[in-house]
Amino acid sequence: MTQIIILPHVELCPEGAVFDAPVGQSICDALLDNDIEIEHACELSCACTTCHVVVREGFESLGEMDESEEDLLDRAWGLEPTSRLSCQAVLAQQDVTIEIPKYSINH
């Protein structure tokens, strides 16, 4: 199991959260399984940027980004060097700390 630390987000997770998720699960699925209702307008098909997160710790442990994710991230609000689409970022053994941006392209 991998520990996910979610930094506080005003609407989705005001107090922040800490939970375990199985290795091989996407960050988005782990968030949804733990009642953190992150947007995912394309239903996890890597076709939008609404599930964008910034990985504050553990970025290097996540699987490689493919070209379609890289292209979509260029349109994400608040893009940072450690940004990922949570539907595409697959958990490995290392714990991760993530921040959900204040806005998405739908806000």
Protein backbone atom coordinates (compact mmCIF):
# COMPACT_ATOMS: atom_id res chain seq x y z
CA MET A 1 0.00 0.00 0.00
CA THR A 2 1.04 3.55 -0.69
CA GLN A 3 0.16 6.46 1.56
CA ILE A 4 -1.40 9.49 -0.12
CA ILE A 5 -1.35 12.82 1.68
CA ILE A 6 -3.78 15.39 0.31
CA LEU A 7 -3.07 19.00 1.19
CA PRO A 8 -6.14 21.02 2.21
CA HIS A 9 -8.43 22.19 -0.60
CA VAL A 10 -11.17 24.67 0.30
CA GLU A 11 -14.02 22.78 -1.39
CA LEU A 12 -12.95 19.17 -1.89
CA CYS A 13 -10.96 18.44 1.25
CA PRO A 14 -10.88 21.39 3.69
CA GLU A 15 -8.92 19.55 6.38
CA GLY A 16 -6.64 17.65 4.03
CA ALA A 17 -6.53 13.87 4.18
CA VAL A 18 -4.23 10.89 4.59
CA PHE A 19 -5.10 7.40 3.39
CA ASP A 20 -3.58 4.25 1.93
CA ALA A 21 -4.13 3.13 -1.64
CA PRO A 22 -2.99 0.03 -3.53
CA VAL A 23 0.11 0.12 -5.69
CA GLY A 24 -0.97 0.25 -9.35
CA GLN A 25 -4.07 2.37 -8.73
CA SER A 26 -4.36 5.83 -10.30
CA ILE A 27 -4.34 8.81 -7.98
CA CYS A 28 -7.78 9.81 -9.30
CA ASP A 29 -9.31 6.42 -8.48
CA ALA A 30 -7.74 6.53 -5.02
CA LEU A 31 -9.19 10.00 -4.38
CA LEU A 32 -12.65 8.96 -5.54
CA ASP A 33 -12.51 5.74 -3.49
CA ASN A 34 -11.82 7.88 -0.42
CA ASP A 35 -14.72 10.32 -0.99
CA ILE A 36 -12.60 13.16 -2.40
CA GLU A 37 -14.73 14.15 -5.37
CA ILE A 38 -12.09 15.47 -7.74
CA GLU A 39 -13.44 16.46 -11.14
CA HIS A 40 -12.96 13.92 -13.90
CA ALA A 41 -15.06 15.19 -16.79
CA CYS A 42 -13.68 12.73 -19.35
CA GLU A 43 -14.32 9.74 -17.06
CA LEU A 44 -10.59 8.98 -16.66
CA SER A 45 -9.86 8.67 -20.39
CA CYS A 46 -7.04 11.27 -20.57
CA ALA A 47 -9.12 13.66 -22.65
CA CYS A 48 -9.35 16.73 -20.38
CA THR A 49 -7.45 18.36 -17.50
CA THR A 50 -10.11 18.51 -14.80
CA CYS A 51 -8.31 15.93 -12.61
CA HIS A 52 -5.01 17.88 -12.64
CA VAL A 53 -2.98 17.64 -9.43
CA VAL A 54 0.42 18.90 -8.35
CA VAL A 55 2.60 16.22 -6.80
CA ARG A 56 4.53 17.88 -3.96
CA GLU A 57 6.38 14.72 -2.86
CA GLY A 58 6.90 11.38 -4.58
CA PHE A 59 6.66 12.68 -8.16
CA GLU A 60 9.58 10.58 -9.38
CA SER A 61 7.93 7.37 -8.18
CA LEU A 62 4.94 7.73 -10.51
CA GLY A 63 4.90 6.09 -13.91
CA GLU A 64 6.21 7.98 -16.93
CA MET A 65 3.96 10.52 -18.63
CA ASP A 66 2.91 9.66 -22.14
CA GLU A 67 2.69 12.23 -24.92
CA SER A 68 -1.08 12.70 -24.69
CA GLU A 69 -0.87 13.55 -20.98
CA GLU A 70 1.98 16.00 -21.62
CA ASP A 71 -0.03 17.70 -24.37
CA LEU A 72 -3.15 18.02 -22.21
CA LEU A 73 -1.25 19.36 -19.22
CA ASP A 74 -0.23 22.36 -21.29
CA ARG A 75 -3.88 23.48 -20.96
CA ALA A 76 -4.19 22.92 -17.20
CA TRP A 77 -4.74 25.86 -14.86
CA GLY A 78 -1.81 26.38 -12.47
CA LEU A 79 0.60 24.09 -14.31
CA GLU A 80 3.81 23.31 -12.40
CA PRO A 81 6.82 21.10 -13.18
CA THR A 82 5.36 18.34 -10.99
CA SER A 83 1.82 18.51 -12.41
CA ARG A 84 0.09 15.30 -13.44
CA LEU A 85 -3.34 14.23 -14.56
CA SER A 86 -4.46 12.16 -11.62
CA CYS A 87 -6.26 9.70 -13.92
CA GLN A 88 -2.91 8.85 -15.53
CA ALA A 89 -0.57 9.00 -12.51
CA VAL A 90 -0.22 5.43 -11.24
CA LEU A 91 0.94 4.82 -7.68
CA ALA A 92 4.12 2.88 -6.95
CA GLN A 93 5.68 1.95 -3.60
CA GLN A 94 6.67 5.50 -2.58
CA ASP A 95 4.23 7.67 -0.62
CA VAL A 96 2.98 10.81 -2.38
CA THR A 97 1.79 14.22 -1.27
CA ILE A 98 -0.53 16.02 -3.66
CA GLU A 99 -2.21 19.36 -3.95
CA ILE A 100 -5.44 19.78 -5.88
CA PRO A 101 -5.33 23.16 -7.64
CA LYS A 102 -7.89 25.76 -6.66
CA TYR A 103 -9.32 25.90 -10.17
CA SER A 104 -9.79 23.59 -13.12
CA ILE A 105 -10.71 24.45 -16.69
CA ASN A 106 -14.37 24.00 -15.66
CA HIS A 107 -14.22 26.72 -12.98
